[in-house]
C-alpha atoms as a PDB file:
ATOM      1  CA  UNK A   1     271.813 -73.916 230.840  1.00  0.00           C
ATOM      2  CA  UNK A   2     275.472 -73.445 229.864  1.00  0.00           C
ATOM      3  CA  UNK A   3     277.378 -76.428 228.580  1.00  0.00           C
ATOM      4  CA  UNK A   4     280.753 -77.654 229.791  1.00  0.00           C
ATOM      5  CA  UNK A   5     283.408 -78.340 227.159  1.00  0.00           C
ATOM      6  CA  UNK A   6     286.665 -80.255 227.604  1.00  0.00           C
ATOM      7  CA  UNK A   7     289.371 -80.634 224.935  1.00  0.00           C
ATOM      8  CA  UNK A   8     292.058 -82.991 226.247  1.00  0.00           C
ATOM      9  CA  UNK A   9     295.150 -83.656 224.113  1.00  0.00           C
ATOM     10  CA  UNK A  10     296.858 -87.033 223.847  1.00  0.00           C
ATOM     11  CA  UNK A  11     299.178 -86.745 220.826  1.00  0.00           C
ATOM     12  CA  UNK A  12     300.468 -83.729 218.822  1.00  0.00           C
ATOM     13  CA  UNK A  13     297.627 -82.313 216.739  1.00  0.00           C
ATOM     14  CA  UNK A  14     294.967 -84.643 218.197  1.00  0.00           C
ATOM     15  CA  UNK A  15     292.594 -84.370 221.172  1.00  0.00           C
ATOM     16  CA  UNK A  16     289.396 -85.745 222.624  1.00  0.00           C
ATOM     17  CA  UNK A  17     286.293 -83.515 222.730  1.00  0.00           C
ATOM     18  CA  UNK A  18     283.686 -83.856 225.486  1.00  0.00           C
ATOM     19  CA  UNK A  19     280.549 -81.686 225.681  1.00  0.00           C
ATOM     20  CA  UNK A  20     278.507 -82.009 228.887  1.00  0.00           C
ATOM     21  CA  UNK A  21     274.995 -80.598 229.132  1.00  0.00           C
ATOM     22  CA  UNK A  22     273.531 -81.685 225.801  1.00  0.00           C
ATOM     23  CA  UNK A  23     271.892 -84.850 227.112  1.00  0.00           C
ATOM     24  CA  UNK A  24     269.004 -86.049 224.981  1.00  0.00           C
ATOM     25  CA  UNK A  25     270.331 -84.221 221.933  1.00  0.00           C
ATOM     26  CA  UNK A  26     270.567 -86.205 218.720  1.00  0.00           C
ATOM     27  CA  UNK A  27     274.314 -86.228 217.865  1.00  0.00           C
ATOM     28  CA  UNK A  28     273.849 -85.478 214.207  1.00  0.00           C
ATOM     29  CA  UNK A  29     275.192 -82.717 211.996  1.00  0.00           C
ATOM     30  CA  UNK A  30     275.859 -79.466 213.784  1.00  0.00           C
ATOM     31  CA  UNK A  31     278.036 -76.371 213.946  1.00  0.00           C
ATOM     32  CA  UNK A  32     280.344 -74.827 216.497  1.00  0.00           C
ATOM     33  CA  UNK A  33     281.963 -71.436 217.026  1.00  0.00           C
ATOM     34  CA  UNK A  34     285.173 -70.978 219.030  1.00  0.00           C
ATOM     35  CA  UNK A  35     285.638 -67.447 220.372  1.00  0.00           C
ATOM     36  CA  UNK A  36     288.497 -65.854 222.274  1.00  0.00           C
ATOM     37  CA  UNK A  37     286.724 -63.909 224.997  1.00  0.00           C
ATOM     38  CA  UNK A  38     289.643 -61.517 225.564  1.00  0.00           C
ATOM     39  CA  UNK A  39     290.224 -60.569 221.946  1.00  0.00           C
ATOM     40  CA  UNK A  40     286.672 -61.161 220.697  1.00  0.00           C
ATOM     41  CA  UNK A  41     287.979 -63.110 217.728  1.00  0.00           C
ATOM     42  CA  UNK A  42     286.575 -66.278 216.189  1.00  0.00           C
ATOM     43  CA  UNK A  43     288.488 -69.315 214.874  1.00  0.00           C
ATOM     44  CA  UNK A  44     288.115 -69.956 211.154  1.00  0.00           C
ATOM     45  CA  UNK A  45     288.628 -72.998 208.949  1.00  0.00           C
ATOM     46  CA  UNK A  46     292.044 -71.577 207.981  1.00  0.00           C
ATOM     47  CA  UNK A  47     293.182 -71.981 211.637  1.00  0.00           C
ATOM     48  CA  UNK A  48     293.369 -68.180 212.028  1.00  0.00           C
ATOM     49  CA  UNK A  49     291.432 -65.945 214.431  1.00  0.00           C
ATOM     50  CA  UNK A  50     289.085 -63.482 212.691  1.00  0.00           C
ATOM     51  CA  UNK A  51     287.138 -60.456 213.856  1.00  0.00           C
ATOM     52  CA  UNK A  52     284.002 -61.792 212.128  1.00  0.00           C
ATOM     53  CA  UNK A  53     281.977 -64.769 213.376  1.00  0.00           C
ATOM     54  CA  UNK A  54     283.251 -68.086 212.028  1.00  0.00           C
ATOM     55  CA  UNK A  55     281.177 -71.282 212.222  1.00  0.00           C
ATOM     56  CA  UNK A  56     282.834 -74.672 211.838  1.00  0.00           C
ATOM     57  CA  UNK A  57     281.271 -78.134 211.387  1.00  0.00           C
ATOM     58  CA  UNK A  58     281.073 -80.248 214.522  1.00  0.00           C
ATOM     59  CA  UNK A  59     283.103 -83.469 214.433  1.00  0.00           C
ATOM     60  CA  UNK A  60     281.308 -86.798 214.575  1.00  0.00           C
ATOM     61  CA  UNK A  61     279.887 -87.122 218.095  1.00  0.00           C
ATOM     62  CA  UNK A  62     278.645 -90.097 220.102  1.00  0.00           C
ATOM     63  CA  UNK A  63     276.438 -90.190 223.171  1.00  0.00           C
ATOM     64  CA  UNK A  64     278.117 -91.160 226.447  1.00  0.00           C
ATOM     65  CA  UNK A  65     275.741 -90.734 229.376  1.00  0.00           C
ATOM     66  CA  UNK A  66     274.812 -87.051 229.614  1.00  0.00           C
ATOM     67  CA  UNK A  67     277.744 -86.064 227.381  1.00  0.00           C
ATOM     68  CA  UNK A  68     278.653 -86.079 223.711  1.00  0.00           C
ATOM     69  CA  UNK A  69     282.190 -87.191 222.874  1.00  0.00           C
ATOM     70  CA  UNK A  70     284.304 -87.122 219.727  1.00  0.00           C
ATOM     71  CA  UNK A  71     287.738 -86.358 218.311  1.00  0.00           C
ATOM     72  CA  UNK A  72     289.249 -83.135 216.926  1.00  0.00           C
ATOM     73  CA  UNK A  73     292.358 -82.745 214.794  1.00  0.00           C
ATOM     74  CA  UNK A  74     295.007 -80.142 213.949  1.00  0.00           C
ATOM     75  CA  UNK A  75     292.467 -77.620 212.602  1.00  0.00           C
ATOM     76  CA  UNK A  76     291.344 -77.002 216.199  1.00  0.00           C
ATOM     77  CA  UNK A  77     294.253 -78.301 218.286  1.00  0.00           C
ATOM     78  CA  UNK A  78     297.027 -76.306 216.579  1.00  0.00           C
ATOM     79  CA  UNK A  79     295.567 -72.799 217.126  1.00  0.00           C
ATOM     80  CA  UNK A  80     294.370 -73.675 220.645  1.00  0.00           C
ATOM     81  CA  UNK A  81     297.799 -75.038 221.600  1.00  0.00           C
ATOM     82  CA  UNK A  82     299.365 -71.656 220.827  1.00  0.00           C
ATOM     83  CA  UNK A  83     297.117 -69.706 223.195  1.00  0.00           C
ATOM     84  CA  UNK A  84     298.501 -68.265 226.388  1.00  0.00           C
ATOM     85  CA  UNK A  85     297.398 -69.229 229.906  1.00  0.00           C
ATOM     86  CA  UNK A  86     295.419 -65.990 230.254  1.00  0.00           C
ATOM     87  CA  UNK A  87     293.324 -66.635 227.125  1.00  0.00           C
ATOM     88  CA  UNK A  88     289.685 -67.612 227.709  1.00  0.00           C
ATOM     89  CA  UNK A  89     287.897 -69.508 224.930  1.00  0.00           C
ATOM     90  CA  UNK A  90     284.166 -69.994 224.598  1.00  0.00           C
ATOM     91  CA  UNK A  91     282.352 -72.580 222.466  1.00  0.00           C
ATOM     92  CA  UNK A  92     278.879 -72.109 220.982  1.00  0.00           C
ATOM     93  CA  UNK A  93     277.159 -75.242 219.640  1.00  0.00           C
ATOM     94  CA  UNK A  94     274.244 -75.403 217.205  1.00  0.00           C
ATOM     95  CA  UNK A  95     272.830 -78.924 217.239  1.00  0.00           C
ATOM     96  CA  UNK A  96     269.392 -80.509 216.858  1.00  0.00           C
ATOM     97  CA  UNK A  97     267.626 -77.136 216.892  1.00  0.00           C
ATOM     98  CA  UNK A  98     269.443 -75.966 220.034  1.00  0.00           C
ATOM     99  CA  UNK A  99     272.124 -73.328 220.514  1.00  0.00           C
ATOM    100  CA  UNK A 100     274.154 -73.590 223.720  1.00  0.00           C
ATOM    101  CA  UNK A 101     277.429 -72.052 224.799  1.00  0.00           C
ATOM    102  CA  UNK A 102     280.051 -72.553 227.481  1.00  0.00           C
ATOM    103  CA  UNK A 103     283.705 -72.137 228.381  1.00  0.00           C
ATOM    104  CA  UNK A 104     286.358 -74.461 226.965  1.00  0.00           C
ATOM    105  CA  UNK A 105     288.739 -76.289 229.291  1.00  0.00           C
ATOM    106  CA  UNK A 106     291.926 -77.425 227.539  1.00  0.00           C
ATOM    107  CA  UNK A 107     294.756 -79.608 228.784  1.00  0.00           C
ATOM    108  CA  UNK A 108     297.971 -81.044 227.310  1.00  0.00           C
ATOM    109  CA  UNK A 109     297.478 -79.645 223.821  1.00  0.00           C
ATOM    110  CA  UNK A 110     300.467 -79.829 221.480  1.00  0.00           C
ATOM    111  CA  UNK A 111     300.606 -78.548 217.922  1.00  0.00           C
ATOM    112  CA  UNK A 112     301.042 -81.060 215.106  1.00  0.00           C
ATOM    113  CA  UNK A 113     304.311 -79.335 214.101  1.00  0.00           C
ATOM    114  CA  UNK A 114     305.861 -80.923 217.220  1.00  0.00           C
ATOM    115  CA  UNK A 115     305.183 -84.457 215.973  1.00  0.00           C
ATOM    116  CA  UNK A 116     308.751 -85.078 214.798  1.00  0.00           C
ATOM    117  CA  UNK A 117     310.530 -83.128 217.516  1.00  0.00           C
ATOM    118  CA  UNK A 118     308.655 -84.921 220.313  1.00  0.00           C
ATOM    119  CA  UNK A 119     309.277 -88.386 218.959  1.00  0.00           C
ATOM    120  CA  UNK A 120     311.757 -90.168 221.213  1.00  0.00           C
ATOM    121  CA  UNK A 121     315.049 -91.113 219.643  1.00  0.00           C
ATOM    122  CA  UNK A 122     315.538 -94.860 219.237  1.00  0.00           C
ATOM    123  CA  UNK A 123     317.304 -96.362 222.202  1.00  0.00           C
ATOM    124  CA  UNK A 124     320.447 -98.329 221.565  1.00  0.00           C
ATOM    125  CA  UNK A 125     320.526-101.255 223.941  1.00  0.00           C
ATOM    126  CA  UNK A 126     323.788-103.029 224.573  1.00  0.00           C
ATOM    127  CA  UNK A 127     323.573-106.767 223.829  1.00  0.00           C
ATOM    128  CA  UNK A 128     323.393-108.928 226.949  1.00  0.00           C
ATOM    129  CA  UNK A 129     326.583-110.781 227.909  1.00  0.00           C
ATOM    130  CA  UNK A 130     326.913-114.299 226.589  1.00  0.00           C
ATOM    131  CA  UNK A 131     326.041-116.881 229.244  1.00  0.00           C
ATOM    132  CA  UNK A 132     328.875-118.769 230.899  1.00  0.00           C
ATOM    133  CA  UNK A 133     329.214-122.263 229.435  1.00  0.00           C
ATOM    134  CA  UNK A 134     327.823-124.880 231.770  1.00  0.00           C
ATOM    135  CA  UNK A 135     330.517-127.193 233.192  1.00  0.00           C
ATOM    136  CA  UNK A 136     330.441-130.643 231.724  1.00  0.00           C
ATOM    137  CA  UNK A 137     329.501-133.292 234.265  1.00  0.00           C
ATOM    138  CA  UNK A 138     332.435-135.446 235.355  1.00  0.00           C
ATOM    139  CA  UNK A 139     332.045-139.027 234.287  1.00  0.00           C
ATOM    140  CA  UNK A 140     331.444-141.467 237.080  1.00  0.00           C
ATOM    141  CA  UNK A 141     334.575-143.491 237.861  1.00  0.00           C
ATOM    142  CA  UNK A 142     334.498-146.977 236.514  1.00  0.00           C
ATOM    143  CA  UNK A 143     335.483-149.944 238.716  1.00  0.00           C
ATOM    144  CA  UNK A 144     339.020-151.139 238.054  1.00  0.00           C
ATOM    145  CA  UNK A 145     339.737-154.838 238.143  1.00  0.00           C
ATOM    146  CA  UNK A 146     343.159-156.360 238.632  1.00  0.00           C
ATOM    147  CA  UNK A 147     342.794-158.574 235.628  1.00  0.00           C
ATOM    148  CA  UNK A 148     340.294-160.313 233.447  1.00  0.00           C
ATOM    149  CA  UNK A 149     339.520-163.835 234.460  1.00  0.00           C
ATOM    150  CA  UNK A 150     340.671-166.502 232.019  1.00  0.00           C
ATOM    151  CA  UNK A 151     338.029-167.520 229.564  1.00  0.00           C
ATOM    152  CA  UNK A 152     337.081-171.066 230.172  1.00  0.00           C
ATOM    153  CA  UNK A 153     336.112-173.308 227.349  1.00  0.00           C
ATOM    154  CA  UNK A 154     333.273-174.504 229.521  1.00  0.00           C
ATOM    155  CA  UNK A 155     330.347-172.186 230.273  1.00  0.00           C
ATOM    156  CA  UNK A 156     330.718-170.846 233.801  1.00  0.00           C
ATOM    157  CA  UNK A 157     327.971-171.265 236.274  1.00  0.00           C
ATOM    158  CA  UNK A 158     326.327-168.033 237.507  1.00  0.00           C
ATOM    159  CA  UNK A 159     327.459-167.324 241.047  1.00  0.00           C
ATOM    160  CA  UNK A 160     324.355-165.590 242.343  1.00  0.00           C
ATOM    161  CA  UNK A 161     325.811-165.282 245.799  1.00  0.00           C
ATOM    162  CA  UNK A 162     328.361-162.593 244.664  1.00  0.00           C
ATOM    163  CA  UNK A 163     326.023-160.346 242.618  1.00  0.00           C
ATOM    164  CA  UNK A 164     324.783-158.264 245.592  1.00  0.00           C
ATOM    165  CA  UNK A 165     328.377-157.575 246.670  1.00  0.00           C
ATOM    166  CA  UNK A 166     329.405-156.412 243.174  1.00  0.00           C
ATOM    167  CA  UNK A 167     326.347-154.136 242.891  1.00  0.00           C
ATOM    168  CA  UNK A 168     327.072-152.661 246.306  1.00  0.00           C
ATOM    169  CA  UNK A 169     330.665-151.960 245.298  1.00  0.00           C
ATOM    170  CA  UNK A 170     329.645-150.197 242.088  1.00  0.00           C
ATOM    171  CA  UNK A 171     327.105-148.072 243.987  1.00  0.00           C
ATOM    172  CA  UNK A 172     329.741-147.080 246.540  1.00  0.00           C
ATOM    173  CA  UNK A 173     332.122-146.036 243.770  1.00  0.00           C
ATOM    174  CA  UNK A 174     329.398-143.952 242.088  1.00  0.00           C
ATOM    175  CA  UNK A 175     328.590-142.158 245.358  1.00  0.00           C
ATOM    176  CA  UNK A 176     332.279-141.490 245.986  1.00  0.00           C
ATOM    177  CA  UNK A 177     332.668-140.145 242.459  1.00  0.00           C
ATOM    178  CA  UNK A 178     329.683-137.839 242.913  1.00  0.00           C
ATOM    179  CA  UNK A 179     331.080-136.455 246.181  1.00  0.00           C
ATOM    180  CA  UNK A 180     334.456-135.871 244.544  1.00  0.00           C
ATOM    181  CA  UNK A 181     332.820-134.072 241.617  1.00  0.00           C
ATOM    182  CA  UNK A 182     330.858-131.858 244.045  1.00  0.00           C
ATOM    183  CA  UNK A 183     333.996-130.753 245.865  1.00  0.00           C
ATOM    184  CA  UNK A 184     335.889-130.214 242.593  1.00  0.00           C
ATOM    185  CA  UNK A 185     333.115-128.003 241.205  1.00  0.00           C
ATOM    186  CA  UNK A 186     331.929-126.086 244.255  1.00  0.00           C
ATOM    187  CA  UNK A 187     334.789-126.049 246.756  1.00  0.00           C
ATOM    188  CA  UNK A 188     336.285-122.520 247.201  1.00  0.00           C
ATOM    189  CA  UNK A 189     339.639-123.826 248.405  1.00  0.00           C
ATOM    190  CA  UNK A 190     342.568-122.685 246.258  1.00  0.00           C
ATOM    191  CA  UNK A 191     340.187-121.374 243.605  1.00  0.00           C
ATOM    192  CA  UNK A 192     339.073-117.911 242.588  1.00  0.00           C
ATOM    193  CA  UNK A 193     335.367-117.921 241.693  1.00  0.00           C
ATOM    194  CA  UNK A 194     334.502-116.896 238.164  1.00  0.00           C
ATOM    195  CA  UNK A 195     333.206-113.330 238.200  1.00  0.00           C
ATOM    196  CA  UNK A 196     329.641-113.099 236.968  1.00  0.00           C
ATOM    197  CA  UNK A 197     328.614-109.958 235.128  1.00  0.00           C
ATOM    198  CA  UNK A 198     325.321-109.191 236.858  1.00  0.00           C
ATOM    199  CA  UNK A 199     325.332-105.513 235.894  1.00  0.00           C
ATOM    200  CA  UNK A 200     322.036-104.316 234.364  1.00  0.00           C
ATOM    201  CA  UNK A 201     321.818-103.763 230.651  1.00  0.00           C
ATOM    202  CA  UNK A 202     322.934-100.230 229.921  1.00  0.00           C
ATOM    203  CA  UNK A 203     320.794 -98.087 227.650  1.00  0.00           C
ATOM    204  CA  UNK A 204     322.984 -95.776 225.625  1.00  0.00           C
ATOM    205  CA  UNK A 205     321.635 -92.306 224.924  1.00  0.00           C
ATOM    206  CA  UNK A 206     321.739 -91.374 221.260  1.00  0.00           C
ATOM    207  CA  UNK A 207     324.385 -88.783 220.508  1.00  0.00           C
ATOM    208  CA  UNK A 208     323.279 -85.378 219.273  1.00  0.00           C
ATOM    209  CA  UNK A 209     323.958 -84.908 215.549  1.00  0.00           C
ATOM    210  CA  UNK A 210     326.763 -82.486 214.730  1.00  0.00           C
ATOM    211  CA  UNK A 211     324.533 -80.600 212.271  1.00  0.00           C
ATOM    212  CA  UNK A 212     320.746 -80.258 212.021  1.00  0.00           C
ATOM    213  CA  UNK A 213     319.440 -80.547 208.464  1.00  0.00           C
ATOM    214  CA  UNK A 214     316.242 -82.606 208.822  1.00  0.00           C
ATOM    215  CA  UNK A 215     313.412 -83.059 211.303  1.00  0.00           C
ATOM    216  CA  UNK A 216     314.972 -86.391 212.261  1.00  0.00           C
ATOM    217  CA  UNK A 217     318.209 -84.572 213.131  1.00  0.00           C
ATOM    218  CA  UNK A 218     316.246 -82.051 215.198  1.00  0.00           C
ATOM    219  CA  UNK A 219     314.346 -84.778 217.071  1.00  0.00           C
ATOM    220  CA  UNK A 220     317.604 -86.581 217.905  1.00  0.00           C
ATOM    221  CA  UNK A 221     319.218 -83.334 219.050  1.00  0.00           C
ATOM    222  CA  UNK A 222     316.313 -82.465 221.361  1.00  0.00           C
ATOM    223  CA  UNK A 223     316.325 -86.007 222.768  1.00  0.00           C
ATOM    224  CA  UNK A 224     320.071 -85.874 223.492  1.00  0.00           C
ATOM    225  CA  UNK A 225     320.293 -82.251 224.665  1.00  0.00           C
ATOM    226  CA  UNK A 226     318.246 -81.372 227.751  1.00  0.00           C
ATOM    227  CA  UNK A 227     320.457 -78.344 228.510  1.00  0.00           C
ATOM    228  CA  UNK A 228     318.453 -75.190 227.757  1.00  0.00           C
ATOM    229  CA  UNK A 229     321.456 -72.883 227.233  1.00  0.00           C
ATOM    230  CA  UNK A 230     323.142 -75.299 224.817  1.00  0.00           C
ATOM    231  CA  UNK A 231     319.913 -75.681 222.833  1.00  0.00           C
ATOM    232  CA  UNK A 232     319.527 -71.893 222.723  1.00  0.00           C
ATOM    233  CA  UNK A 233     323.029 -71.433 221.269  1.00  0.00           C
ATOM    234  CA  UNK A 234     322.376 -74.106 218.640  1.00  0.00           C
ATOM    235  CA  UNK A 235     319.084 -72.413 217.713  1.00  0.00           C
ATOM    236  CA  UNK A 236     320.956 -69.135 217.141  1.00  0.00           C
ATOM    237  CA  UNK A 237     323.240 -70.934 214.677  1.00  0.00           C
ATOM    238  CA  UNK A 238     320.179 -72.313 212.872  1.00  0.00           C
ATOM    239  CA  UNK A 239     318.893 -68.747 212.512  1.00  0.00           C
ATOM    240  CA  UNK A 240     322.209 -67.755 210.933  1.00  0.00           C
ATOM    241  CA  UNK A 241     321.840 -70.649 208.477  1.00  0.00           C
ATOM    242  CA  UNK A 242     318.309 -69.530 207.597  1.00  0.00           C
ATOM    243  CA  UNK A 243     316.600 -72.618 209.063  1.00  0.00           C
ATOM    244  CA  UNK A 244     313.999 -70.584 210.927  1.00  0.00           C
ATOM    245  CA  UNK A 245     311.449 -73.394 211.361  1.00  0.00           C
ATOM    246  CA  UNK A 246     313.988 -75.644 213.094  1.00  0.00           C
ATOM    247  CA  UNK A 247     315.278 -72.678 215.091  1.00  0.00           C
ATOM    248  CA  UNK A 248     311.784 -71.869 216.395  1.00  0.00           C
ATOM    249  CA  UNK A 249     311.208 -75.451 217.571  1.00  0.00           C
ATOM    250  CA  UNK A 250     314.594 -75.502 219.289  1.00  0.00           C
ATOM    251  CA  UNK A 251     313.968 -72.085 220.874  1.00  0.00           C
ATOM    252  CA  UNK A 252     310.678 -73.470 222.241  1.00  0.00           C
ATOM    253  CA  UNK A 253     312.507 -76.532 223.617  1.00  0.00           C
ATOM    254  CA  UNK A 254     315.051 -74.292 225.344  1.00  0.00           C
ATOM    255  CA  UNK A 255     312.332 -71.959 226.672  1.00  0.00           C
ATOM    256  CA  UNK A 256     310.465 -74.874 228.237  1.00  0.00           C
ATOM    257  CA  UNK A 257     313.781 -75.849 229.817  1.00  0.00           C
ATOM    258  CA  UNK A 258     313.997 -72.473 231.551  1.00  0.00           C
ATOM    259  CA  UNK A 259     315.856 -70.222 229.094  1.00  0.00           C
ATOM    260  CA  UNK A 260     314.306 -66.732 229.219  1.00  0.00           C
ATOM    261  CA  UNK A 261     316.378 -65.684 226.186  1.00  0.00           C
ATOM    262  CA  UNK A 262     314.889 -68.538 224.150  1.00  0.00           C
ATOM    263  CA  UNK A 263     311.345 -67.538 225.119  1.00  0.00           C
ATOM    264  CA  UNK A 264     312.149 -63.991 224.072  1.00  0.00           C
ATOM    265  CA  UNK A 265     313.400 -65.262 220.701  1.00  0.00           C
ATOM    266  CA  UNK A 266     310.150 -67.175 220.093  1.00  0.00           C
ATOM    267  CA  UNK A 267     308.072 -64.144 221.067  1.00  0.00           C
ATOM    268  CA  UNK A 268     309.919 -61.945 218.563  1.00  0.00           C
ATOM    269  CA  UNK A 269     308.995 -64.400 215.799  1.00  0.00           C
ATOM    270  CA  UNK A 270     305.302 -63.700 216.549  1.00  0.00           C
ATOM    271  CA  UNK A 271     305.411 -60.036 217.639  1.00  0.00           C
ATOM    272  CA  UNK A 272     303.952 -57.742 214.928  1.00  0.00           C
ATOM    273  CA  UNK A 273     306.655 -55.195 215.791  1.00  0.00           C
ATOM    274  CA  UNK A 274     309.534 -57.557 214.934  1.00  0.00           C
ATOM    275  CA  UNK A 275     307.894 -60.154 212.667  1.00  0.00           C
ATOM    276  CA  UNK A 276     308.966 -60.474 209.036  1.00  0.00           C
ATOM    277  CA  UNK A 277     309.343 -63.308 206.562  1.00  0.00           C
ATOM    278  CA  UNK A 278     313.113 -62.968 206.989  1.00  0.00           C
ATOM    279  CA  UNK A 279     313.034 -63.360 210.774  1.00  0.00           C
ATOM    280  CA  UNK A 280     310.143 -65.791 211.335  1.00  0.00           C
ATOM    281  CA  UNK A 281     308.892 -69.055 209.806  1.00  0.00           C
ATOM    282  CA  UNK A 282     305.284 -68.074 210.587  1.00  0.00           C
ATOM    283  CA  UNK A 283     303.142 -66.852 207.668  1.00  0.00           C
ATOM    284  CA  UNK A 284     301.920 -63.857 209.677  1.00  0.00           C
ATOM    285  CA  UNK A 285     302.343 -62.132 213.034  1.00  0.00           C
ATOM    286  CA  UNK A 286     300.238 -63.100 216.060  1.00  0.00           C
ATOM    287  CA  UNK A 287     300.275 -60.644 218.960  1.00  0.00           C
ATOM    288  CA  UNK A 288     298.461 -62.938 221.420  1.00  0.00           C
ATOM    289  CA  UNK A 289     300.929 -65.787 220.885  1.00  0.00           C
ATOM    290  CA  UNK A 290     303.803 -63.334 221.220  1.00  0.00           C
ATOM    291  CA  UNK A 291     302.403 -62.252 224.597  1.00  0.00           C
ATOM    292  CA  UNK A 292     302.277 -65.887 225.699  1.00  0.00           C
ATOM    293  CA  UNK A 293     306.015 -66.314 225.038  1.00  0.00           C
ATOM    294  CA  UNK A 294     306.953 -62.875 226.413  1.00  0.00           C
ATOM    295  CA  UNK A 295     305.328 -63.567 229.785  1.00  0.00           C
ATOM    296  CA  UNK A 296     307.888 -66.041 231.284  1.00  0.00           C
ATOM    297  CA  UNK A 297     310.790 -63.772 230.270  1.00  0.00           C
ATOM    298  CA  UNK A 298     308.965 -60.761 231.708  1.00  0.00           C
ATOM    299  CA  UNK A 299     308.428 -62.581 234.981  1.00  0.00           C
ATOM    300  CA  UNK A 300     312.154 -63.413 235.000  1.00  0.00           C
ATOM    301  CA  UNK A 301     312.891 -59.655 234.907  1.00  0.00           C
ATOM    302  CA  UNK A 302     313.711 -59.125 231.233  1.00  0.00           C
ATOM    303  CA  UNK A 303     312.935 -55.452 230.566  1.00  0.00           C
ATOM    304  CA  UNK A 304     312.322 -55.856 226.829  1.00  0.00           C
ATOM    305  CA  UNK A 305     309.844 -58.666 227.494  1.00  0.00           C
ATOM    306  CA  UNK A 306     308.056 -56.551 230.129  1.00  0.00           C
ATOM    307  CA  UNK A 307     307.737 -53.626 227.735  1.00  0.00           C
ATOM    308  CA  UNK A 308     306.541 -55.692 224.757  1.00  0.00           C
ATOM    309  CA  UNK A 309     304.130 -57.749 226.861  1.00  0.00           C
ATOM    310  CA  UNK A 310     302.637 -54.591 228.337  1.00  0.00           C
ATOM    311  CA  UNK A 311     302.384 -52.956 224.920  1.00  0.00           C
ATOM    312  CA  UNK A 312     300.544 -55.945 223.437  1.00  0.00           C
ATOM    313  CA  UNK A 313     298.141 -56.295 226.364  1.00  0.00           C
ATOM    314  CA  UNK A 314     297.079 -52.641 226.400  1.00  0.00           C
ATOM    315  CA  UNK A 315     296.781 -52.702 222.615  1.00  0.00           C
ATOM    316  CA  UNK A 316     294.519 -55.763 222.539  1.00  0.00           C
ATOM    317  CA  UNK A 317     292.196 -54.688 225.351  1.00  0.00           C
ATOM    318  CA  UNK A 318     291.369 -50.960 225.626  1.00  0.00           C
ATOM    319  CA  UNK A 319     290.018 -51.449 229.167  1.00  0.00           C
ATOM    320  CA  UNK A 320     289.538 -54.036 231.857  1.00  0.00           C
ATOM    321  CA  UNK A 321     291.801 -56.418 233.748  1.00  0.00           C
ATOM    322  CA  UNK A 322     294.110 -57.278 230.830  1.00  0.00           C
ATOM    323  CA  UNK A 323     294.583 -53.598 230.011  1.00  0.00           C
ATOM    324  CA  UNK A 324     295.484 -52.773 233.612  1.00  0.00           C
ATOM    325  CA  UNK A 325     297.862 -55.728 233.733  1.00  0.00           C
ATOM    326  CA  UNK A 326     299.553 -54.418 230.601  1.00  0.00           C
ATOM    327  CA  UNK A 327     300.038 -51.019 232.212  1.00  0.00           C
ATOM    328  CA  UNK A 328     301.646 -52.744 235.189  1.00  0.00           C
ATOM    329  CA  UNK A 329     304.174 -54.441 232.925  1.00  0.00           C
ATOM    330  CA  UNK A 330     304.955 -51.147 231.198  1.00  0.00           C
ATOM    331  CA  UNK A 331     305.480 -49.498 234.573  1.00  0.00           C
ATOM    332  CA  UNK A 332     307.909 -52.248 235.625  1.00  0.00           C
ATOM    333  CA  UNK A 333     309.918 -51.731 232.444  1.00  0.00           C
ATOM    334  CA  UNK A 334     309.828 -47.951 232.864  1.00  0.00           C
ATOM    335  CA  UNK A 335     310.966 -48.211 236.483  1.00  0.00           C
ATOM    336  CA  UNK A 336     313.902 -50.291 235.229  1.00  0.00           C
ATOM    337  CA  UNK A 337     314.921 -47.380 232.991  1.00  0.00           C
ATOM    338  CA  UNK A 338     313.337 -48.375 229.667  1.00  0.00           C
ATOM    339  CA  UNK A 339     312.710 -45.166 227.708  1.00  0.00           C
ATOM    340  CA  UNK A 340     310.254 -46.746 225.251  1.00  0.00           C
ATOM    341  CA  UNK A 341     308.104 -48.023 228.107  1.00  0.00           C
ATOM    342  CA  UNK A 342     308.043 -44.546 229.658  1.00  0.00           C
ATOM    343  CA  UNK A 343     306.960 -43.076 226.346  1.00  0.00           C
ATOM    344  CA  UNK A 344     304.130 -45.614 226.000  1.00  0.00           C
ATOM    345  CA  UNK A 345     302.907 -44.855 229.509  1.00  0.00           C
ATOM    346  CA  UNK A 346     302.844 -41.143 228.726  1.00  0.00           C
ATOM    347  CA  UNK A 347     300.656 -41.811 225.686  1.00  0.00           C
ATOM    348  CA  UNK A 348     298.201 -43.815 227.819  1.00  0.00           C
ATOM    349  CA  UNK A 349     297.553 -40.915 230.201  1.00  0.00           C
END
């Protein structure tokens, strides 16, 4: 019975692994083999795809119902994140005396090299306005007497009959003072109300650095520059300065923003026909990854991308669906007047 494999990314270079169909298997030490069905290549411990079989140790797995779950790191996530949408990957598992295989379903995989560039720039929050000072309460008016009574040398008798009248008078004055204070504080007559700043706190977007020299500079630039064309032009300047690794990341950012030229630039950095240590930060060429980046530009009508995508596809698969699809791309480029594409088609006859 084939197994079902899911590798779901959550952060750059990291992902969760879920293998369904190995219920009852002791999740101990085991091996796995990742194979690209189209190219018939196997992933090695060096993160490269090889023509020979490559077996890797399984990560630590735990039972969860009828599934085994675990975590995988950059050794698996990075090469898988670079695969194109047409790539099909199979996984063979050797565990507890069993050997099962199935197709791999991947989602939201990002290479670990994007860790810095994907980090959001710190937000600068404007300080909230200082609160308006609370108005001081107006003192209650004190009763005013016409004059102090003369002090008698004899102790005066307490006139209890007048105490209620005095208390009532003081209470009336306090009420009158409170009413007056209310009208002074809250009456709109002849007064302009104090404007209250109820505007929401504004979050200021970090400005793009004038020059990119570090990964922090690159992350800030990507955060502050969503425009694909502007990012593409800046990436070209990075190429002129020899900062090819930063240029590739910025080309990828621009390509994801819709720039076909940027996608073409990334593809050239992988294409065996144009790759070199002087033009690419990658240690070696990778035709399949080049095809992945050529495809959006080819679909946008770029003749060079159509020709190179077709050339790679027919070169990787001598027959079958991918080979026929490659011929279609070559024909589109040839119909657009590309002489090299016409020549390649003639050789395929």
